[in-house]
Amino acid sequence: MTDRPHRGRPPRYRVVVHELRDGRQTTIMDASANGFIAAAASIRDGEMQVALGDGGDYELKAHIALFIAGQYDDGPGSSAPTR
């Protein structure tokens, strides 16, 4: 994950997430912003396969990462909000 040099106005990003279930597609998230961090993972045969993507300024991504980590501070089964 590297920062890309930018000229002019900083880019905006659109992140769209769909849930695919029983042949149906449901939009879970559709957001535009100045930065993003996205991860998708599956566990197959005891091995996790992960796809990661990010965009935006380093400082903004650091704040996003801290926010995400804070959502999961108490671990599974906690009452911490996830959205």
PDB file of N, CA and C in Angstrom:
ATOM      1  N   MET A   1       0.852  -1.162   0.000  1.00  0.00           N
ATOM      2  CA  MET A   1       0.000   0.000   0.000  1.00  0.00           C
ATOM      3  C   MET A   1       0.898   1.224   0.000  1.00  0.00           C
ATOM      4  N   THR A   2       0.889   1.936  -1.085  1.00  0.00           N
ATOM      5  CA  THR A   2       1.760   3.098  -1.201  1.00  0.00           C
ATOM      6  C   THR A   2       0.944   4.344  -1.476  1.00  0.00           C
ATOM      7  N   ASP A   3       1.491   5.480  -1.060  1.00  0.00           N
ATOM      8  CA  ASP A   3       0.866   6.757  -1.374  1.00  0.00           C
ATOM      9  C   ASP A   3       1.269   7.148  -2.780  1.00  0.00           C
ATOM     10  N   ARG A   4       0.316   7.609  -3.545  1.00  0.00           N
ATOM     11  CA  ARG A   4       0.595   8.056  -4.903  1.00  0.00           C
ATOM     12  C   ARG A   4       0.768   9.566  -4.898  1.00  0.00           C
ATOM     13  N   PRO A   5       1.804  10.086  -5.556  1.00  0.00           N
ATOM     14  CA  PRO A   5       1.937  11.548  -5.622  1.00  0.00           C
ATOM     15  C   PRO A   5       0.764  12.122  -6.404  1.00  0.00           C
ATOM     16  N   HIS A   6       0.263  13.267  -5.970  1.00  0.00           N
ATOM     17  CA  HIS A   6      -0.865  13.859  -6.687  1.00  0.00           C
ATOM     18  C   HIS A   6      -0.592  15.312  -7.027  1.00  0.00           C
ATOM     19  N   ARG A   7      -1.127  15.707  -8.147  1.00  0.00           N
ATOM     20  CA  ARG A   7      -1.026  17.089  -8.600  1.00  0.00           C
ATOM     21  C   ARG A   7      -2.443  17.651  -8.675  1.00  0.00           C
ATOM     22  N   GLY A   8      -2.581  18.912  -8.340  1.00  0.00           N
ATOM     23  CA  GLY A   8      -3.911  19.517  -8.384  1.00  0.00           C
ATOM     24  C   GLY A   8      -4.745  19.079  -7.193  1.00  0.00           C
ATOM     25  N   ARG A   9      -6.035  18.973  -7.427  1.00  0.00           N
ATOM     26  CA  ARG A   9      -6.950  18.572  -6.361  1.00  0.00           C
ATOM     27  C   ARG A   9      -6.749  17.115  -5.979  1.00  0.00           C
ATOM     28  N   PRO A  10      -6.810  16.803  -4.689  1.00  0.00           N
ATOM     29  CA  PRO A  10      -6.702  15.399  -4.281  1.00  0.00           C
ATOM     30  C   PRO A  10      -7.874  14.594  -4.849  1.00  0.00           C
ATOM     31  N   PRO A  11      -7.658  13.334  -5.137  1.00  0.00           N
ATOM     32  CA  PRO A  11      -8.752  12.517  -5.674  1.00  0.00           C
ATOM     33  C   PRO A  11      -9.780  12.194  -4.606  1.00  0.00           C
ATOM     34  N   ARG A  12     -10.954  11.833  -5.057  1.00  0.00           N
ATOM     35  CA  ARG A  12     -11.978  11.274  -4.178  1.00  0.00           C
ATOM     36  C   ARG A  12     -12.137   9.823  -4.600  1.00  0.00           C
ATOM     37  N   TYR A  13     -12.612   9.029  -3.681  1.00  0.00           N
ATOM     38  CA  TYR A  13     -12.770   7.607  -3.932  1.00  0.00           C
ATOM     39  C   TYR A  13     -14.210   7.206  -3.657  1.00  0.00           C
ATOM     40  N   ARG A  14     -14.684   6.231  -4.400  1.00  0.00           N
ATOM     41  CA  ARG A  14     -16.004   5.672  -4.137  1.00  0.00           C
ATOM     42  C   ARG A  14     -15.824   4.198  -3.840  1.00  0.00           C
ATOM     43  N   VAL A  15     -16.346   3.795  -2.705  1.00  0.00           N
ATOM     44  CA  VAL A  15     -16.260   2.405  -2.278  1.00  0.00           C
ATOM     45  C   VAL A  15     -17.686   1.849  -2.219  1.00  0.00           C
ATOM     46  N   VAL A  16     -17.901   0.759  -2.941  1.00  0.00           N
ATOM     47  CA  VAL A  16     -19.206   0.112  -2.963  1.00  0.00           C
ATOM     48  C   VAL A  16     -19.014  -1.344  -2.539  1.00  0.00           C
ATOM     49  N   VAL A  17     -19.824  -1.778  -1.588  1.00  0.00           N
ATOM     50  CA  VAL A  17     -19.762  -3.154  -1.109  1.00  0.00           C
ATOM     51  C   VAL A  17     -21.137  -3.783  -1.300  1.00  0.00           C
ATOM     52  N   HIS A  18     -21.135  -4.956  -1.887  1.00  0.00           N
ATOM     53  CA  HIS A  18     -22.384  -5.692  -2.095  1.00  0.00           C
ATOM     54  C   HIS A  18     -22.327  -7.009  -1.343  1.00  0.00           C
ATOM     55  N   GLU A  19     -23.430  -7.381  -0.732  1.00  0.00           N
ATOM     56  CA  GLU A  19     -23.580  -8.721  -0.168  1.00  0.00           C
ATOM     57  C   GLU A  19     -24.189  -9.592  -1.249  1.00  0.00           C
ATOM     58  N   LEU A  20     -23.579 -10.717  -1.499  1.00  0.00           N
ATOM     59  CA  LEU A  20     -24.065 -11.664  -2.502  1.00  0.00           C
ATOM     60  C   LEU A  20     -24.594 -12.892  -1.768  1.00  0.00           C
ATOM     61  N   ARG A  21     -25.904 -13.110  -1.879  1.00  0.00           N
ATOM     62  CA  ARG A  21     -26.515 -14.224  -1.153  1.00  0.00           C
ATOM     63  C   ARG A  21     -27.698 -14.751  -1.944  1.00  0.00           C
ATOM     64  N   ASP A  22     -27.703 -16.059  -2.158  1.00  0.00           N
ATOM     65  CA  ASP A  22     -28.819 -16.730  -2.829  1.00  0.00           C
ATOM     66  C   ASP A  22     -29.178 -16.066  -4.160  1.00  0.00           C
ATOM     67  N   GLY A  23     -28.154 -15.699  -4.925  1.00  0.00           N
ATOM     68  CA  GLY A  23     -28.390 -15.100  -6.235  1.00  0.00           C
ATOM     69  C   GLY A  23     -28.844 -13.644  -6.185  1.00  0.00           C
ATOM     70  N   ARG A  24     -28.885 -13.057  -5.002  1.00  0.00           N
ATOM     71  CA  ARG A  24     -29.294 -11.661  -4.863  1.00  0.00           C
ATOM     72  C   ARG A  24     -28.103 -10.807  -4.460  1.00  0.00           C
ATOM     73  N   GLN A  25     -28.135  -9.556  -4.889  1.00  0.00           N
ATOM     74  CA  GLN A  25     -27.085  -8.602  -4.557  1.00  0.00           C
ATOM     75  C   GLN A  25     -27.704  -7.458  -3.768  1.00  0.00           C
ATOM     76  N   THR A  26     -27.178  -7.211  -2.558  1.00  0.00           N
ATOM     77  CA  THR A  26     -27.671  -6.140  -1.707  1.00  0.00           C
ATOM     78  C   THR A  26     -26.525  -5.175  -1.443  1.00  0.00           C
ATOM     79  N   THR A  27     -26.752  -3.884  -1.653  1.00  0.00           N
ATOM     80  CA  THR A  27     -25.723  -2.888  -1.370  1.00  0.00           C
ATOM     81  C   THR A  27     -25.632  -2.688   0.142  1.00  0.00           C
ATOM     82  N   ILE A  28     -24.436  -2.926   0.674  1.00  0.00           N
ATOM     83  CA  ILE A  28     -24.179  -2.778   2.107  1.00  0.00           C
ATOM     84  C   ILE A  28     -23.596  -1.398   2.391  1.00  0.00           C
ATOM     85  N   MET A  29     -22.766  -0.917   1.470  1.00  0.00           N
ATOM     86  CA  MET A  29     -22.128   0.386   1.641  1.00  0.00           C
ATOM     87  C   MET A  29     -21.909   1.004   0.271  1.00  0.00           C
ATOM     88  N   ASP A  30     -22.172   2.287   0.160  1.00  0.00           N
ATOM     89  CA  ASP A  30     -21.888   3.057  -1.052  1.00  0.00           C
ATOM     90  C   ASP A  30     -21.481   4.448  -0.567  1.00  0.00           C
ATOM     91  N   ALA A  31     -20.165   4.684  -0.520  1.00  0.00           N
ATOM     92  CA  ALA A  31     -19.663   5.916   0.070  1.00  0.00           C
ATOM     93  C   ALA A  31     -18.572   6.540  -0.786  1.00  0.00           C
ATOM     94  N   SER A  32     -18.551   7.872  -0.823  1.00  0.00           N
ATOM     95  CA  SER A  32     -17.483   8.616  -1.484  1.00  0.00           C
ATOM     96  C   SER A  32     -16.766   9.437  -0.426  1.00  0.00           C
ATOM     97  N   ALA A  33     -15.428   9.484  -0.527  1.00  0.00           N
ATOM     98  CA  ALA A  33     -14.647  10.191   0.490  1.00  0.00           C
ATOM     99  C   ALA A  33     -13.253  10.496  -0.040  1.00  0.00           C
ATOM    100  N   ASN A  34     -12.469  11.207   0.773  1.00  0.00           N
ATOM    101  CA  ASN A  34     -11.094  11.558   0.401  1.00  0.00           C
ATOM    102  C   ASN A  34     -10.103  10.446   0.680  1.00  0.00           C
ATOM    103  N   GLY A  35     -10.508   9.423   1.414  1.00  0.00           N
ATOM    104  CA  GLY A  35      -9.615   8.317   1.710  1.00  0.00           C
ATOM    105  C   GLY A  35     -10.399   7.080   2.068  1.00  0.00           C
ATOM    106  N   PHE A  36      -9.750   5.922   1.938  1.00  0.00           N
ATOM    107  CA  PHE A  36     -10.405   4.673   2.295  1.00  0.00           C
ATOM    108  C   PHE A  36      -9.370   3.603   2.617  1.00  0.00           C
ATOM    109  N   ILE A  37      -9.792   2.632   3.381  1.00  0.00           N
ATOM    110  CA  ILE A  37      -9.076   1.383   3.594  1.00  0.00           C
ATOM    111  C   ILE A  37     -10.123   0.294   3.457  1.00  0.00           C
ATOM    112  N   ALA A  38      -9.859  -0.685   2.616  1.00  0.00           N
ATOM    113  CA  ALA A  38     -10.817  -1.771   2.407  1.00  0.00           C
ATOM    114  C   ALA A  38     -10.102  -3.109   2.517  1.00  0.00           C
ATOM    115  N   ALA A  39     -10.790  -4.069   3.097  1.00  0.00           N
ATOM    116  CA  ALA A  39     -10.262  -5.424   3.197  1.00  0.00           C
ATOM    117  C   ALA A  39     -11.400  -6.409   3.004  1.00  0.00           C
ATOM    118  N   ALA A  40     -11.108  -7.495   2.332  1.00  0.00           N
ATOM    119  CA  ALA A  40     -12.062  -8.589   2.175  1.00  0.00           C
ATOM    120  C   ALA A  40     -11.291  -9.876   2.408  1.00  0.00           C
ATOM    121  N   ALA A  41     -11.896 -10.814   3.120  1.00  0.00           N
ATOM    122  CA  ALA A  41     -11.179 -12.047   3.441  1.00  0.00           C
ATOM    123  C   ALA A  41     -12.114 -13.243   3.430  1.00  0.00           C
ATOM    124  N   SER A  42     -11.523 -14.377   3.146  1.00  0.00           N
ATOM    125  CA  SER A  42     -12.199 -15.672   3.241  1.00  0.00           C
ATOM    126  C   SER A  42     -11.238 -16.632   3.912  1.00  0.00           C
ATOM    127  N   ILE A  43     -11.793 -17.594   4.645  1.00  0.00           N
ATOM    128  CA  ILE A  43     -10.966 -18.651   5.219  1.00  0.00           C
ATOM    129  C   ILE A  43     -11.374 -19.946   4.532  1.00  0.00           C
ATOM    130  N   ARG A  44     -10.397 -20.549   3.898  1.00  0.00           N
ATOM    131  CA  ARG A  44     -10.614 -21.821   3.194  1.00  0.00           C
ATOM    132  C   ARG A  44      -9.524 -22.789   3.611  1.00  0.00           C
ATOM    133  N   ASP A  45      -9.929 -23.975   4.009  1.00  0.00           N
ATOM    134  CA  ASP A  45      -8.982 -25.003   4.436  1.00  0.00           C
ATOM    135  C   ASP A  45      -8.019 -24.482   5.497  1.00  0.00           C
ATOM    136  N   GLY A  46      -8.535 -23.663   6.413  1.00  0.00           N
ATOM    137  CA  GLY A  46      -7.726 -23.149   7.507  1.00  0.00           C
ATOM    138  C   GLY A  46      -6.774 -22.030   7.132  1.00  0.00           C
ATOM    139  N   GLU A  47      -6.852 -21.554   5.909  1.00  0.00           N
ATOM    140  CA  GLU A  47      -5.953 -20.488   5.467  1.00  0.00           C
ATOM    141  C   GLU A  47      -6.770 -19.259   5.071  1.00  0.00           C
ATOM    142  N   MET A  48      -6.338 -18.102   5.566  1.00  0.00           N
ATOM    143  CA  MET A  48      -7.041 -16.866   5.244  1.00  0.00           C
ATOM    144  C   MET A  48      -6.460 -16.248   3.971  1.00  0.00           C
ATOM    145  N   GLN A  49      -7.353 -15.902   3.069  1.00  0.00           N
ATOM    146  CA  GLN A  49      -6.979 -15.198   1.848  1.00  0.00           C
ATOM    147  C   GLN A  49      -7.562 -13.791   1.953  1.00  0.00           C
ATOM    148  N   VAL A  50      -6.687 -12.786   1.793  1.00  0.00           N
ATOM    149  CA  VAL A  50      -7.094 -11.399   2.025  1.00  0.00           C
ATOM    150  C   VAL A  50      -6.790 -10.543   0.804  1.00  0.00           C
ATOM    151  N   ALA A  51      -7.721  -9.660   0.480  1.00  0.00           N
ATOM    152  CA  ALA A  51      -7.504  -8.623  -0.529  1.00  0.00           C
ATOM    153  C   ALA A  51      -7.573  -7.287   0.197  1.00  0.00           C
ATOM    154  N   LEU A  52      -6.565  -6.441  -0.013  1.00  0.00           N
ATOM    155  CA  LEU A  52      -6.515  -5.128   0.635  1.00  0.00           C
ATOM    156  C   LEU A  52      -6.417  -4.034  -0.419  1.00  0.00           C
ATOM    157  N   GLY A  53      -7.001  -2.898  -0.117  1.00  0.00           N
ATOM    158  CA  GLY A  53      -6.858  -1.727  -0.969  1.00  0.00           C
ATOM    159  C   GLY A  53      -6.949  -0.477  -0.119  1.00  0.00           C
ATOM    160  N   ASP A  54      -6.292   0.582  -0.544  1.00  0.00           N
ATOM    161  CA  ASP A  54      -6.384   1.845   0.185  1.00  0.00           C
ATOM    162  C   ASP A  54      -6.104   2.998  -0.761  1.00  0.00           C
ATOM    163  N   GLY A  55      -6.513   4.166  -0.351  1.00  0.00           N
ATOM    164  CA  GLY A  55      -6.258   5.366  -1.127  1.00  0.00           C
ATOM    165  C   GLY A  55      -6.403   6.587  -0.245  1.00  0.00           C
ATOM    166  N   GLY A  56      -5.716   7.647  -0.596  1.00  0.00           N
ATOM    167  CA  GLY A  56      -5.790   8.882   0.169  1.00  0.00           C
ATOM    168  C   GLY A  56      -4.479   9.185   0.862  1.00  0.00           C
ATOM    169  N   ASP A  57      -4.456  10.340   1.530  1.00  0.00           N
ATOM    170  CA  ASP A  57      -3.258  10.766   2.247  1.00  0.00           C
ATOM    171  C   ASP A  57      -2.958   9.839   3.416  1.00  0.00           C
ATOM    172  N   TYR A  58      -1.677   9.685   3.716  1.00  0.00           N
ATOM    173  CA  TYR A  58      -1.228   8.805   4.790  1.00  0.00           C
ATOM    174  C   TYR A  58      -1.895   9.155   6.124  1.00  0.00           C
ATOM    175  N   GLU A  59      -1.932  10.445   6.475  1.00  0.00           N
ATOM    176  CA  GLU A  59      -2.510  10.853   7.764  1.00  0.00           C
ATOM    177  C   GLU A  59      -3.974  10.458   7.877  1.00  0.00           C
ATOM    178  N   LEU A  60      -4.733  10.652   6.803  1.00  0.00           N
ATOM    179  CA  LEU A  60      -6.143  10.289   6.823  1.00  0.00           C
ATOM    180  C   LEU A  60      -6.286   8.775   6.966  1.00  0.00           C
ATOM    181  N   LYS A  61      -5.475   8.014   6.236  1.00  0.00           N
ATOM    182  CA  LYS A  61      -5.550   6.557   6.344  1.00  0.00           C
ATOM    183  C   LYS A  61      -5.173   6.101   7.753  1.00  0.00           C
ATOM    184  N   ALA A  62      -4.228   6.772   8.395  1.00  0.00           N
ATOM    185  CA  ALA A  62      -3.856   6.426   9.773  1.00  0.00           C
ATOM    186  C   ALA A  62      -5.042   6.655  10.711  1.00  0.00           C
ATOM    187  N   HIS A  63      -5.779   7.744  10.518  1.00  0.00           N
ATOM    188  CA  HIS A  63      -6.961   8.015  11.344  1.00  0.00           C
ATOM    189  C   HIS A  63      -8.042   6.971  11.079  1.00  0.00           C
ATOM    190  N   ILE A  64      -8.235   6.604   9.834  1.00  0.00           N
ATOM    191  CA  ILE A  64      -9.222   5.572   9.500  1.00  0.00           C
ATOM    192  C   ILE A  64      -8.850   4.263  10.184  1.00  0.00           C
ATOM    193  N   ALA A  65      -7.564   3.889  10.116  1.00  0.00           N
ATOM    194  CA  ALA A  65      -7.111   2.640  10.728  1.00  0.00           C
ATOM    195  C   ALA A  65      -7.355   2.640  12.234  1.00  0.00           C
ATOM    196  N   LEU A  66      -7.074   3.765  12.892  1.00  0.00           N
ATOM    197  CA  LEU A  66      -7.319   3.860  14.334  1.00  0.00           C
ATOM    198  C   LEU A  66      -8.807   3.743  14.651  1.00  0.00           C
ATOM    199  N   PHE A  67      -9.624   4.357  13.814  1.00  0.00           N
ATOM    200  CA  PHE A  67     -11.069   4.273  14.020  1.00  0.00           C
ATOM    201  C   PHE A  67     -11.547   2.833  13.880  1.00  0.00           C
ATOM    202  N   ILE A  68     -11.085   2.153  12.827  1.00  0.00           N
ATOM    203  CA  ILE A  68     -11.483   0.756  12.615  1.00  0.00           C
ATOM    204  C   ILE A  68     -11.041  -0.099  13.797  1.00  0.00           C
ATOM    205  N   ALA A  69      -9.792   0.051  14.221  1.00  0.00           N
ATOM    206  CA  ALA A  69      -9.279  -0.730  15.348  1.00  0.00           C
ATOM    207  C   ALA A  69     -10.120  -0.494  16.599  1.00  0.00           C
ATOM    208  N   GLY A  70     -10.555   0.736  16.818  1.00  0.00           N
ATOM    209  CA  GLY A  70     -11.377   1.059  17.977  1.00  0.00           C
ATOM    210  C   GLY A  70     -12.740   0.387  17.950  1.00  0.00           C
ATOM    211  N   GLN A  71     -13.230   0.062  16.769  1.00  0.00           N
ATOM    212  CA  GLN A  71     -14.525  -0.603  16.652  1.00  0.00           C
ATOM    213  C   GLN A  71     -14.459  -2.053  17.127  1.00  0.00           C
ATOM    214  N   TYR A  72     -13.258  -2.612  17.190  1.00  0.00           N
ATOM    215  CA  TYR A  72     -13.084  -4.020  17.534  1.00  0.00           C
ATOM    216  C   TYR A  72     -12.230  -4.218  18.773  1.00  0.00           C
ATOM    217  N   ASP A  73     -12.089  -3.190  19.599  1.00  0.00           N
ATOM    218  CA  ASP A  73     -11.246  -3.248  20.802  1.00  0.00           C
ATOM    219  C   ASP A  73     -11.622  -4.365  21.761  1.00  0.00           C
ATOM    220  N   ASP A  74     -12.904  -4.626  21.913  1.00  0.00           N
ATOM    221  CA  ASP A  74     -13.347  -5.585  22.923  1.00  0.00           C
ATOM    222  C   ASP A  74     -13.442  -7.010  22.402  1.00  0.00           C
ATOM    223  N   GLY A  75     -13.145  -7.237  21.141  1.00  0.00           N
ATOM    224  CA  GLY A  75     -13.140  -8.585  20.588  1.00  0.00           C
ATOM    225  C   GLY A  75     -14.527  -9.114  20.283  1.00  0.00           C
ATOM    226  N   PRO A  76     -14.588 -10.379  19.862  1.00  0.00           N
ATOM    227  CA  PRO A  76     -15.869 -11.004  19.487  1.00  0.00           C
ATOM    228  C   PRO A  76     -16.847 -11.007  20.644  1.00  0.00           C
ATOM    229  N   GLY A  77     -18.093 -10.774  20.328  1.00  0.00           N
ATOM    230  CA  GLY A  77     -19.133 -10.813  21.354  1.00  0.00           C
ATOM    231  C   GLY A  77     -19.247  -9.554  22.179  1.00  0.00           C
ATOM    232  N   SER A  78     -18.442  -8.541  21.872  1.00  0.00           N
ATOM    233  CA  SER A  78     -18.510  -7.300  22.646  1.00  0.00           C
ATOM    234  C   SER A  78     -19.712  -6.480  22.218  1.00  0.00           C
ATOM    235  N   SER A  79     -20.003  -5.473  23.000  1.00  0.00           N
ATOM    236  CA  SER A  79     -21.106  -4.589  22.651  1.00  0.00           C
ATOM    237  C   SER A  79     -20.606  -3.356  21.901  1.00  0.00           C
ATOM    238  N   ALA A  80     -19.339  -3.348  21.494  1.00  0.00           N
ATOM    239  CA  ALA A  80     -18.795  -2.210  20.756  1.00  0.00           C
ATOM    240  C   ALA A  80     -19.540  -2.069  19.438  1.00  0.00           C
ATOM    241  N   PRO A  81     -19.910  -0.828  19.080  1.00  0.00           N
ATOM    242  CA  PRO A  81     -20.618  -0.627  17.814  1.00  0.00           C
ATOM    243  C   PRO A  81     -19.722  -0.993  16.635  1.00  0.00           C
ATOM    244  N   THR A  82     -20.337  -1.537  15.583  1.00  0.00           N
ATOM    245  CA  THR A  82     -19.561  -1.905  14.397  1.00  0.00           C
ATOM    246  C   THR A  82     -19.798  -0.965  13.244  1.00  0.00           C
ATOM    247  N   ARG A  83     -20.682  -0.008  13.385  1.00  0.00           N
ATOM    248  CA  ARG A  83     -20.924   0.976  12.312  1.00  0.00           C
ATOM    249  C   ARG A  83     -21.091   2.343  12.903  1.00  0.00           C
TER     250      ARG A  83
END
